[in-house]
Amino acid sequence: MNEIRRGHLKFYVLRLLAEERRTGYGLMKAIKNETGFWKPSAGSIYPLLASMREHKLIVEVDEAGGCTRWQITDEGRAAYDEAADSKRALFDSMRRSLVVFSKVFDVAPLESMAARLDRWQEGREDFRRLGPLFMDLHDTLWALPPLSAQQEAKGAAILKDAAAALERLSKEGAQSSNANHRPEMRYS
């Protein structure tokens, strides 16, 4: 996993810097907040930032108050855009692997994960913002001790209520987009 993280850290930094200038610590904190589990160490982030500066992907910018932040360059934006093609290939490979794995080991939920990968390729900003909350829920569920039947029923009710509320939100979104997109009326 560390090799994967190291290989993706550069592009993660570029994406974050495309959003706004950040300090090295700010980058580490943003990654931890977004992923919910991974906070790159100072020993990995600062040498990477120095290397990225040498390759002209980022520059240091002095700001008022003596703070120095990192900023993406045009070369950095171009490198990130090129990586988008690699991302699509990686997602497709992951999706196909999940489908094969699900068939070999008869693990049906993996097929739905493969379908989700297709949707995640869309790069929706709302997913990126809500993702850490989902990961918090996931971590909380996995951290629970074995539940009694009564506790399990309560947990199921909580999750069903949340799913129903999200379904209502989805319907509200569909209704508002339909209301905002009215077909053009033509008169002869």
N, C-alpha and C. Protein backbone atom coordinates (compact mmCIF):
# COMPACT_ATOMS: atom_id res chain seq x y z
N MET A 1 0.82 -1.19 0.00
CA MET A 1 0.00 0.00 0.00
C MET A 1 0.87 1.25 0.00
N ASN A 2 2.00 1.20 0.70
CA ASN A 2 2.87 2.38 0.74
C ASN A 2 3.38 2.76 -0.64
N GLU A 3 3.66 1.73 -1.49
CA GLU A 3 4.14 2.03 -2.83
C GLU A 3 3.06 2.75 -3.62
N ILE A 4 1.82 2.31 -3.45
CA ILE A 4 0.71 2.96 -4.16
C ILE A 4 0.58 4.39 -3.67
N ARG A 5 0.63 4.57 -2.37
CA ARG A 5 0.49 5.92 -1.82
C ARG A 5 1.61 6.82 -2.31
N ARG A 6 2.84 6.32 -2.29
CA ARG A 6 3.96 7.14 -2.75
C ARG A 6 3.79 7.53 -4.21
N GLY A 7 3.32 6.58 -5.02
CA GLY A 7 3.13 6.86 -6.44
C GLY A 7 2.03 7.86 -6.71
N HIS A 8 1.04 7.93 -5.83
CA HIS A 8 -0.09 8.84 -6.03
C HIS A 8 0.05 10.15 -5.29
N LEU A 9 0.97 10.22 -4.34
CA LEU A 9 1.08 11.41 -3.50
C LEU A 9 1.36 12.66 -4.33
N LYS A 10 2.23 12.53 -5.32
CA LYS A 10 2.56 13.70 -6.15
C LYS A 10 1.30 14.27 -6.80
N PHE A 11 0.46 13.41 -7.34
CA PHE A 11 -0.74 13.88 -8.03
C PHE A 11 -1.79 14.37 -7.04
N TYR A 12 -1.80 13.78 -5.86
CA TYR A 12 -2.70 14.25 -4.81
C TYR A 12 -2.32 15.68 -4.43
N VAL A 13 -1.02 15.92 -4.26
CA VAL A 13 -0.53 17.27 -3.93
C VAL A 13 -0.89 18.25 -5.05
N LEU A 14 -0.69 17.84 -6.28
CA LEU A 14 -1.02 18.74 -7.40
C LEU A 14 -2.51 19.08 -7.40
N ARG A 15 -3.36 18.11 -7.16
CA ARG A 15 -4.79 18.39 -7.13
C ARG A 15 -5.14 19.37 -6.02
N LEU A 16 -4.58 19.14 -4.84
CA LEU A 16 -4.87 20.04 -3.72
C LEU A 16 -4.37 21.45 -3.99
N LEU A 17 -3.19 21.56 -4.60
CA LEU A 17 -2.64 22.88 -4.89
C LEU A 17 -3.38 23.56 -6.05
N ALA A 18 -4.02 22.78 -6.90
CA ALA A 18 -4.84 23.37 -7.95
C ALA A 18 -6.06 24.05 -7.34
N GLU A 19 -6.47 23.59 -6.17
CA GLU A 19 -7.62 24.19 -5.49
C GLU A 19 -7.23 25.47 -4.76
N GLU A 20 -6.07 25.44 -4.09
CA GLU A 20 -5.62 26.62 -3.34
C GLU A 20 -4.18 26.41 -2.88
N ARG A 21 -3.51 27.52 -2.55
CA ARG A 21 -2.16 27.46 -2.00
C ARG A 21 -2.23 26.81 -0.62
N ARG A 22 -1.20 26.04 -0.29
CA ARG A 22 -1.17 25.37 1.01
C ARG A 22 0.27 25.26 1.52
N THR A 23 0.38 25.13 2.82
CA THR A 23 1.68 24.82 3.43
C THR A 23 1.89 23.31 3.34
N GLY A 24 3.09 22.85 3.64
CA GLY A 24 3.33 21.41 3.67
C GLY A 24 2.44 20.73 4.70
N TYR A 25 2.37 21.33 5.88
CA TYR A 25 1.50 20.77 6.92
C TYR A 25 0.04 20.81 6.48
N GLY A 26 -0.35 21.88 5.80
CA GLY A 26 -1.72 21.99 5.30
C GLY A 26 -2.05 20.89 4.31
N LEU A 27 -1.07 20.50 3.50
CA LEU A 27 -1.27 19.40 2.56
C LEU A 27 -1.49 18.08 3.32
N MET A 28 -0.63 17.83 4.32
CA MET A 28 -0.76 16.59 5.10
C MET A 28 -2.14 16.53 5.77
N LYS A 29 -2.56 17.65 6.35
CA LYS A 29 -3.84 17.71 7.04
C LYS A 29 -5.00 17.52 6.07
N ALA A 30 -4.93 18.14 4.89
CA ALA A 30 -6.00 18.01 3.90
C ALA A 30 -6.14 16.56 3.44
N ILE A 31 -5.02 15.87 3.24
CA ILE A 31 -5.07 14.47 2.81
C ILE A 31 -5.70 13.62 3.90
N LYS A 32 -5.32 13.86 5.14
CA LYS A 32 -5.91 13.11 6.26
C LYS A 32 -7.42 13.37 6.35
N ASN A 33 -7.82 14.63 6.20
CA ASN A 33 -9.25 14.97 6.27
C ASN A 33 -10.04 14.33 5.14
N GLU A 34 -9.48 14.33 3.95
CA GLU A 34 -10.21 13.78 2.80
C GLU A 34 -10.28 12.26 2.82
N THR A 35 -9.15 11.61 3.14
CA THR A 35 -9.16 10.15 3.10
C THR A 35 -9.74 9.54 4.36
N GLY A 36 -9.62 10.26 5.48
CA GLY A 36 -10.10 9.72 6.74
C GLY A 36 -9.15 8.76 7.41
N PHE A 37 -8.03 8.41 6.74
CA PHE A 37 -7.12 7.45 7.36
C PHE A 37 -5.65 7.70 7.05
N TRP A 38 -5.34 8.37 5.98
CA TRP A 38 -3.94 8.49 5.55
C TRP A 38 -3.44 9.90 5.76
N LYS A 39 -2.40 10.03 6.57
CA LYS A 39 -1.73 11.32 6.72
C LYS A 39 -0.27 11.10 6.38
N PRO A 40 0.16 11.59 5.22
CA PRO A 40 1.57 11.41 4.84
C PRO A 40 2.48 12.03 5.91
N SER A 41 3.60 11.41 6.13
CA SER A 41 4.55 11.92 7.12
C SER A 41 5.33 13.10 6.54
N ALA A 42 5.90 13.88 7.44
CA ALA A 42 6.75 15.00 7.02
C ALA A 42 7.93 14.47 6.21
N GLY A 43 8.41 13.27 6.55
CA GLY A 43 9.53 12.66 5.84
C GLY A 43 9.21 12.25 4.42
N SER A 44 7.91 12.16 4.10
CA SER A 44 7.55 11.86 2.71
C SER A 44 7.09 13.12 1.98
N ILE A 45 6.42 14.02 2.67
CA ILE A 45 5.85 15.18 1.97
C ILE A 45 6.91 16.22 1.62
N TYR A 46 7.81 16.55 2.56
CA TYR A 46 8.73 17.64 2.29
C TYR A 46 9.79 17.30 1.23
N PRO A 47 10.36 16.09 1.22
CA PRO A 47 11.25 15.76 0.10
C PRO A 47 10.51 15.75 -1.25
N LEU A 48 9.25 15.31 -1.23
CA LEU A 48 8.46 15.33 -2.46
C LEU A 48 8.24 16.76 -2.94
N LEU A 49 7.90 17.66 -2.03
CA LEU A 49 7.70 19.06 -2.40
C LEU A 49 8.98 19.66 -3.00
N ALA A 50 10.14 19.33 -2.40
CA ALA A 50 11.41 19.84 -2.94
C ALA A 50 11.64 19.31 -4.35
N SER A 51 11.36 18.03 -4.55
CA SER A 51 11.53 17.44 -5.88
C SER A 51 10.56 18.06 -6.89
N MET A 52 9.34 18.28 -6.47
CA MET A 52 8.35 18.89 -7.37
C MET A 52 8.74 20.32 -7.72
N ARG A 53 9.35 21.02 -6.77
CA ARG A 53 9.82 22.39 -7.04
C ARG A 53 10.96 22.33 -8.06
N GLU A 54 11.88 21.37 -7.90
CA GLU A 54 13.00 21.23 -8.86
C GLU A 54 12.49 20.94 -10.26
N HIS A 55 11.39 20.20 -10.36
CA HIS A 55 10.81 19.87 -11.66
C HIS A 55 9.84 20.93 -12.15
N LYS A 56 9.77 22.04 -11.42
CA LYS A 56 8.96 23.21 -11.79
C LYS A 56 7.45 22.92 -11.84
N LEU A 57 7.02 21.94 -11.02
CA LEU A 57 5.60 21.64 -10.93
C LEU A 57 4.90 22.55 -9.92
N ILE A 58 5.69 23.03 -8.94
CA ILE A 58 5.17 23.91 -7.91
C ILE A 58 6.22 24.96 -7.58
N VAL A 59 5.79 26.05 -6.95
CA VAL A 59 6.71 27.10 -6.48
C VAL A 59 6.29 27.49 -5.07
N GLU A 60 7.25 28.03 -4.33
CA GLU A 60 6.96 28.58 -3.01
C GLU A 60 6.57 30.04 -3.17
N VAL A 61 5.56 30.45 -2.43
CA VAL A 61 5.08 31.82 -2.48
C VAL A 61 5.08 32.37 -1.05
N ASP A 62 5.80 33.50 -0.87
CA ASP A 62 5.80 34.15 0.44
C ASP A 62 4.55 34.98 0.57
N GLU A 63 3.87 34.82 1.69
CA GLU A 63 2.65 35.57 1.94
C GLU A 63 2.84 36.49 3.14
N ALA A 64 1.91 37.38 3.32
CA ALA A 64 1.97 38.32 4.44
C ALA A 64 2.07 37.55 5.75
N GLY A 65 2.81 38.10 6.68
CA GLY A 65 2.97 37.45 7.98
C GLY A 65 4.09 36.43 7.99
N GLY A 66 4.86 36.33 6.91
CA GLY A 66 6.00 35.43 6.87
C GLY A 66 5.67 33.99 6.56
N CYS A 67 4.45 33.72 6.19
CA CYS A 67 4.03 32.35 5.87
C CYS A 67 4.43 32.02 4.42
N THR A 68 4.94 30.84 4.22
CA THR A 68 5.28 30.37 2.88
C THR A 68 4.32 29.25 2.50
N ARG A 69 3.71 29.38 1.35
CA ARG A 69 2.79 28.36 0.86
C ARG A 69 3.27 27.88 -0.51
N TRP A 70 2.80 26.70 -0.86
CA TRP A 70 3.11 26.12 -2.16
C TRP A 70 1.99 26.44 -3.12
N GLN A 71 2.38 26.64 -4.39
CA GLN A 71 1.41 26.97 -5.44
C GLN A 71 1.74 26.13 -6.67
N ILE A 72 0.73 25.64 -7.35
CA ILE A 72 0.93 24.86 -8.56
C ILE A 72 1.33 25.79 -9.71
N THR A 73 2.17 25.30 -10.61
CA THR A 73 2.58 26.06 -11.79
C THR A 73 1.80 25.55 -13.00
N ASP A 74 1.97 26.22 -14.14
CA ASP A 74 1.34 25.74 -15.37
C ASP A 74 1.86 24.35 -15.73
N GLU A 75 3.16 24.11 -15.48
CA GLU A 75 3.72 22.78 -15.74
C GLU A 75 3.08 21.74 -14.83
N GLY A 76 2.81 22.13 -13.58
CA GLY A 76 2.15 21.23 -12.65
C GLY A 76 0.74 20.90 -13.07
N ARG A 77 0.02 21.91 -13.57
CA ARG A 77 -1.34 21.67 -14.07
C ARG A 77 -1.32 20.73 -15.27
N ALA A 78 -0.35 20.92 -16.15
CA ALA A 78 -0.24 20.05 -17.33
C ALA A 78 0.06 18.61 -16.90
N ALA A 79 0.95 18.44 -15.92
CA ALA A 79 1.28 17.09 -15.44
C ALA A 79 0.06 16.43 -14.82
N TYR A 80 -0.72 17.20 -14.07
CA TYR A 80 -1.92 16.65 -13.45
C TYR A 80 -2.94 16.25 -14.52
N ASP A 81 -3.10 17.08 -15.54
CA ASP A 81 -4.04 16.77 -16.62
C ASP A 81 -3.64 15.49 -17.34
N GLU A 82 -2.32 15.32 -17.57
CA GLU A 82 -1.84 14.10 -18.23
C GLU A 82 -2.12 12.87 -17.37
N ALA A 83 -2.05 13.05 -16.05
CA ALA A 83 -2.30 11.93 -15.15
C ALA A 83 -3.76 11.48 -15.19
N ALA A 84 -4.65 12.37 -15.63
CA ALA A 84 -6.07 12.01 -15.71
C ALA A 84 -6.27 10.83 -16.66
N ASP A 85 -5.49 10.76 -17.74
CA ASP A 85 -5.58 9.63 -18.65
C ASP A 85 -5.17 8.34 -17.95
N SER A 86 -4.11 8.41 -17.15
CA SER A 86 -3.66 7.24 -16.38
C SER A 86 -4.71 6.84 -15.37
N LYS A 87 -5.38 7.83 -14.78
CA LYS A 87 -6.43 7.54 -13.80
C LYS A 87 -7.54 6.73 -14.43
N ARG A 88 -7.96 7.12 -15.62
CA ARG A 88 -9.03 6.39 -16.29
C ARG A 88 -8.61 4.94 -16.54
N ALA A 89 -7.38 4.72 -16.96
CA ALA A 89 -6.90 3.36 -17.20
C ALA A 89 -6.83 2.57 -15.89
N LEU A 90 -6.38 3.21 -14.81
CA LEU A 90 -6.30 2.55 -13.51
C LEU A 90 -7.69 2.17 -13.02
N PHE A 91 -8.65 3.08 -13.13
CA PHE A 91 -10.01 2.79 -12.70
C PHE A 91 -10.58 1.61 -13.50
N ASP A 92 -10.35 1.59 -14.79
CA ASP A 92 -10.87 0.51 -15.61
C ASP A 92 -10.24 -0.82 -15.20
N SER A 93 -8.95 -0.81 -14.94
CA SER A 93 -8.26 -2.03 -14.50
C SER A 93 -8.80 -2.50 -13.15
N MET A 94 -9.00 -1.57 -12.22
CA MET A 94 -9.54 -1.93 -10.91
C MET A 94 -10.95 -2.50 -11.04
N ARG A 95 -11.75 -1.87 -11.87
CA ARG A 95 -13.12 -2.33 -12.06
C ARG A 95 -13.16 -3.74 -12.62
N ARG A 96 -12.36 -4.00 -13.65
CA ARG A 96 -12.32 -5.34 -14.24
C ARG A 96 -11.81 -6.37 -13.25
N SER A 97 -10.79 -6.00 -12.46
CA SER A 97 -10.26 -6.93 -11.45
C SER A 97 -11.32 -7.27 -10.41
N LEU A 98 -12.10 -6.29 -9.99
CA LEU A 98 -13.15 -6.54 -9.01
C LEU A 98 -14.21 -7.49 -9.58
N VAL A 99 -14.56 -7.30 -10.84
CA VAL A 99 -15.56 -8.17 -11.45
C VAL A 99 -15.04 -9.61 -11.50
N VAL A 100 -13.80 -9.79 -11.94
CA VAL A 100 -13.22 -11.14 -12.01
C VAL A 100 -13.13 -11.75 -10.62
N PHE A 101 -12.63 -10.98 -9.65
CA PHE A 101 -12.50 -11.47 -8.28
C PHE A 101 -13.86 -11.88 -7.73
N SER A 102 -14.89 -11.09 -8.02
CA SER A 102 -16.23 -11.41 -7.51
C SER A 102 -16.74 -12.71 -8.10
N LYS A 103 -16.41 -12.97 -9.37
CA LYS A 103 -16.86 -14.21 -10.01
C LYS A 103 -16.08 -15.42 -9.48
N VAL A 104 -14.76 -15.25 -9.34
CA VAL A 104 -13.91 -16.36 -8.90
C VAL A 104 -14.28 -16.80 -7.48
N PHE A 105 -14.48 -15.81 -6.59
CA PHE A 105 -14.72 -16.12 -5.19
C PHE A 105 -16.17 -15.96 -4.76
N ASP A 106 -17.07 -15.76 -5.74
CA ASP A 106 -18.50 -15.65 -5.48
C ASP A 106 -18.80 -14.60 -4.41
N VAL A 107 -18.27 -13.40 -4.63
CA VAL A 107 -18.47 -12.28 -3.70
C VAL A 107 -19.23 -11.20 -4.47
N ALA A 108 -20.55 -11.33 -4.47
CA ALA A 108 -21.41 -10.45 -5.26
C ALA A 108 -21.23 -8.96 -4.96
N PRO A 109 -21.04 -8.55 -3.69
CA PRO A 109 -20.92 -7.10 -3.44
C PRO A 109 -19.77 -6.44 -4.20
N LEU A 110 -18.78 -7.22 -4.60
CA LEU A 110 -17.67 -6.63 -5.35
C LEU A 110 -18.11 -6.14 -6.73
N GLU A 111 -19.11 -6.77 -7.29
CA GLU A 111 -19.62 -6.29 -8.59
C GLU A 111 -20.25 -4.91 -8.43
N SER A 112 -20.95 -4.69 -7.31
CA SER A 112 -21.53 -3.36 -7.10
C SER A 112 -20.41 -2.34 -6.86
N MET A 113 -19.32 -2.77 -6.23
CA MET A 113 -18.18 -1.86 -6.07
C MET A 113 -17.60 -1.49 -7.43
N ALA A 114 -17.55 -2.45 -8.33
CA ALA A 114 -17.04 -2.17 -9.68
C ALA A 114 -17.93 -1.13 -10.37
N ALA A 115 -19.23 -1.27 -10.20
CA ALA A 115 -20.15 -0.28 -10.80
C ALA A 115 -19.93 1.09 -10.18
N ARG A 116 -19.64 1.12 -8.88
CA ARG A 116 -19.38 2.41 -8.21
C ARG A 116 -18.12 3.07 -8.77
N LEU A 117 -17.13 2.26 -9.09
CA LEU A 117 -15.91 2.83 -9.67
C LEU A 117 -16.21 3.58 -10.95
N ASP A 118 -17.13 3.05 -11.74
CA ASP A 118 -17.53 3.76 -12.96
C ASP A 118 -18.11 5.13 -12.62
N ARG A 119 -18.95 5.18 -11.58
CA ARG A 119 -19.56 6.46 -11.20
C ARG A 119 -18.52 7.40 -10.60
N TRP A 120 -17.55 6.87 -9.85
CA TRP A 120 -16.54 7.72 -9.23
C TRP A 120 -15.65 8.38 -10.27
N GLN A 121 -15.54 7.79 -11.44
CA GLN A 121 -14.73 8.40 -12.48
C GLN A 121 -15.25 9.76 -12.88
N GLU A 122 -16.53 10.02 -12.60
CA GLU A 122 -17.11 11.30 -12.94
C GLU A 122 -16.44 12.44 -12.18
N GLY A 123 -15.77 12.14 -11.05
CA GLY A 123 -15.06 13.16 -10.30
C GLY A 123 -15.95 14.19 -9.65
N ARG A 124 -17.07 13.77 -9.12
CA ARG A 124 -18.01 14.70 -8.51
C ARG A 124 -17.42 15.33 -7.26
N GLU A 125 -17.47 16.64 -7.17
CA GLU A 125 -16.95 17.39 -6.02
C GLU A 125 -17.73 17.07 -4.76
N ASP A 126 -19.04 16.87 -4.88
CA ASP A 126 -19.83 16.57 -3.68
C ASP A 126 -19.40 15.24 -3.07
N PHE A 127 -19.03 14.26 -3.89
CA PHE A 127 -18.54 12.99 -3.36
C PHE A 127 -17.23 13.21 -2.59
N ARG A 128 -16.37 14.06 -3.13
CA ARG A 128 -15.10 14.31 -2.48
C ARG A 128 -15.31 14.95 -1.09
N ARG A 129 -16.29 15.83 -1.00
CA ARG A 129 -16.56 16.49 0.29
C ARG A 129 -17.28 15.56 1.26
N LEU A 130 -18.18 14.72 0.76
CA LEU A 130 -18.93 13.82 1.63
C LEU A 130 -18.17 12.53 1.95
N GLY A 131 -17.19 12.20 1.15
CA GLY A 131 -16.44 10.96 1.33
C GLY A 131 -15.87 10.78 2.73
N PRO A 132 -15.22 11.80 3.30
CA PRO A 132 -14.68 11.61 4.65
C PRO A 132 -15.76 11.27 5.69
N LEU A 133 -16.96 11.81 5.53
CA LEU A 133 -18.04 11.47 6.45
C LEU A 133 -18.43 10.01 6.30
N PHE A 134 -18.48 9.55 5.06
CA PHE A 134 -18.78 8.14 4.82
C PHE A 134 -17.71 7.25 5.44
N MET A 135 -16.44 7.65 5.29
CA MET A 135 -15.35 6.86 5.87
C MET A 135 -15.44 6.85 7.40
N ASP A 136 -15.84 7.97 8.01
CA ASP A 136 -16.04 8.00 9.46
C ASP A 136 -17.11 6.99 9.87
N LEU A 137 -18.21 6.95 9.11
CA LEU A 137 -19.27 5.98 9.40
C LEU A 137 -18.74 4.56 9.25
N HIS A 138 -18.03 4.32 8.18
CA HIS A 138 -17.44 3.01 7.93
C HIS A 138 -16.54 2.59 9.09
N ASP A 139 -15.65 3.49 9.51
CA ASP A 139 -14.73 3.18 10.61
C ASP A 139 -15.49 2.92 11.91
N THR A 140 -16.54 3.69 12.15
CA THR A 140 -17.34 3.52 13.36
C THR A 140 -18.01 2.14 13.36
N LEU A 141 -18.55 1.75 12.21
CA LEU A 141 -19.18 0.43 12.12
C LEU A 141 -18.19 -0.69 12.38
N TRP A 142 -17.00 -0.60 11.79
CA TRP A 142 -16.00 -1.64 11.96
C TRP A 142 -15.44 -1.67 13.37
N ALA A 143 -15.49 -0.55 14.08
CA ALA A 143 -14.96 -0.49 15.44
C ALA A 143 -15.95 -0.99 16.49
N LEU A 144 -17.21 -1.21 16.09
CA LEU A 144 -18.21 -1.67 17.05
C LEU A 144 -17.85 -3.07 17.57
N PRO A 145 -18.09 -3.31 18.85
CA PRO A 145 -17.92 -4.68 19.37
C PRO A 145 -19.07 -5.54 18.85
N PRO A 146 -19.00 -6.84 19.03
CA PRO A 146 -20.14 -7.67 18.62
C PRO A 146 -21.43 -7.16 19.29
N LEU A 147 -22.48 -7.04 18.50
CA LEU A 147 -23.73 -6.46 18.97
C LEU A 147 -24.72 -7.53 19.38
N SER A 148 -25.54 -7.19 20.36
CA SER A 148 -26.66 -8.06 20.71
C SER A 148 -27.70 -7.92 19.60
N ALA A 149 -28.68 -8.79 19.61
CA ALA A 149 -29.73 -8.72 18.59
C ALA A 149 -30.46 -7.38 18.66
N GLN A 150 -30.70 -6.88 19.87
CA GLN A 150 -31.39 -5.61 20.04
C GLN A 150 -30.53 -4.46 19.50
N GLN A 151 -29.23 -4.47 19.79
CA GLN A 151 -28.34 -3.43 19.30
C GLN A 151 -28.23 -3.48 17.78
N GLU A 152 -28.16 -4.68 17.25
CA GLU A 152 -28.09 -4.83 15.79
C GLU A 152 -29.33 -4.25 15.13
N ALA A 153 -30.51 -4.51 15.73
CA ALA A 153 -31.75 -3.96 15.19
C ALA A 153 -31.74 -2.44 15.23
N LYS A 154 -31.23 -1.85 16.33
CA LYS A 154 -31.13 -0.39 16.43
C LYS A 154 -30.18 0.16 15.37
N GLY A 155 -29.03 -0.50 15.20
CA GLY A 155 -28.06 -0.07 14.19
C GLY A 155 -28.65 -0.13 12.80
N ALA A 156 -29.37 -1.22 12.51
CA ALA A 156 -30.01 -1.36 11.20
C ALA A 156 -31.04 -0.26 10.98
N ALA A 157 -31.79 0.08 12.02
CA ALA A 157 -32.80 1.14 11.89
C ALA A 157 -32.13 2.48 11.61
N ILE A 158 -31.02 2.75 12.28
CA ILE A 158 -30.29 4.00 12.04
C ILE A 158 -29.82 4.08 10.59
N LEU A 159 -29.22 3.00 10.10
CA LEU A 159 -28.70 2.99 8.73
C LEU A 159 -29.84 3.07 7.71
N LYS A 160 -30.95 2.38 7.98
CA LYS A 160 -32.09 2.45 7.06
C LYS A 160 -32.67 3.86 7.03
N ASP A 161 -32.73 4.51 8.19
CA ASP A 161 -33.23 5.90 8.24
C ASP A 161 -32.32 6.82 7.43
N ALA A 162 -31.00 6.63 7.58
CA ALA A 162 -30.05 7.46 6.83
C ALA A 162 -30.20 7.22 5.33
N ALA A 163 -30.33 5.95 4.93
CA ALA A 163 -30.49 5.63 3.51
C ALA A 163 -31.79 6.23 2.97
N ALA A 164 -32.86 6.17 3.76
CA ALA A 164 -34.14 6.74 3.32
C ALA A 164 -34.04 8.26 3.19
N ALA A 165 -33.34 8.89 4.12
CA ALA A 165 -33.18 10.35 4.04
C ALA A 165 -32.37 10.74 2.81
N LEU A 166 -31.33 9.96 2.48
CA LEU A 166 -30.55 10.25 1.28
C LEU A 166 -31.37 10.00 0.02
N GLU A 167 -32.22 8.99 0.04
CA GLU A 167 -33.10 8.72 -1.10
C GLU A 167 -34.06 9.90 -1.31
N ARG A 168 -34.60 10.45 -0.20
CA ARG A 168 -35.47 11.62 -0.32
C ARG A 168 -34.69 12.80 -0.90
N LEU A 169 -33.45 12.96 -0.47
CA LEU A 169 -32.61 14.03 -0.99
C LEU A 169 -32.39 13.85 -2.49
N SER A 170 -32.19 12.61 -2.90
CA SER A 170 -32.00 12.31 -4.32
C SER A 170 -33.25 12.69 -5.12
N LYS A 171 -34.41 12.36 -4.59
CA LYS A 171 -35.66 12.70 -5.28
C LYS A 171 -35.85 14.21 -5.34
N GLU A 172 -35.49 14.92 -4.26
CA GLU A 172 -35.58 16.39 -4.26
C GLU A 172 -34.68 16.96 -5.35
N GLY A 173 -33.48 16.40 -5.47
CA GLY A 173 -32.54 16.87 -6.49
C GLY A 173 -33.07 16.64 -7.88
N ALA A 174 -33.70 15.47 -8.10
CA ALA A 174 -34.26 15.16 -9.42
C ALA A 174 -35.41 16.10 -9.73
N GLN A 175 -36.24 16.39 -8.73
CA GLN A 175 -37.37 17.28 -8.95
C GLN A 175 -36.91 18.70 -9.26
N SER A 176 -35.89 19.17 -8.51
CA SER A 176 -35.43 20.54 -8.74
C SER A 176 -34.73 20.66 -10.09
N SER A 177 -34.01 19.61 -10.52
CA SER A 177 -33.36 19.71 -11.83
C SER A 177 -34.39 19.65 -12.95
N ASN A 178 -35.49 18.90 -12.72
CA ASN A 178 -36.56 18.87 -13.72
C ASN A 178 -37.27 20.22 -13.78
N ALA A 179 -37.45 20.85 -12.63
CA ALA A 179 -38.12 22.15 -12.59
C ALA A 179 -37.27 23.22 -13.26
N ASN A 180 -35.95 23.10 -13.12
CA ASN A 180 -35.05 24.08 -13.72
C ASN A 180 -34.83 23.85 -15.20
N HIS A 181 -35.15 22.65 -15.68
CA HIS A 181 -34.94 22.33 -17.09
C HIS A 181 -36.29 22.04 -17.72
N ARG A 182 -36.96 23.06 -18.07
CA ARG A 182 -38.26 22.90 -18.73
C ARG A 182 -38.05 22.90 -20.23
N PRO A 183 -38.72 22.02 -20.91
CA PRO A 183 -38.57 22.00 -22.37
C PRO A 183 -39.07 23.30 -22.97
N GLU A 184 -38.41 23.71 -24.03
CA GLU A 184 -38.78 24.94 -24.72
C GLU A 184 -40.12 24.71 -25.43
N MET A 185 -41.01 25.64 -25.22
CA MET A 185 -42.33 25.55 -25.85
C MET A 185 -42.25 26.20 -27.23
N ARG A 186 -42.73 25.51 -28.23
CA ARG A 186 -42.72 26.06 -29.59
C ARG A 186 -44.17 26.24 -30.04
N TYR A 187 -44.40 27.37 -30.60
CA TYR A 187 -45.73 27.67 -31.10
C TYR A 187 -45.66 27.77 -32.62
N SER A 188 -46.61 27.15 -33.27
CA SER A 188 -46.61 27.21 -34.74
C SER A 188 -47.39 28.39 -35.23
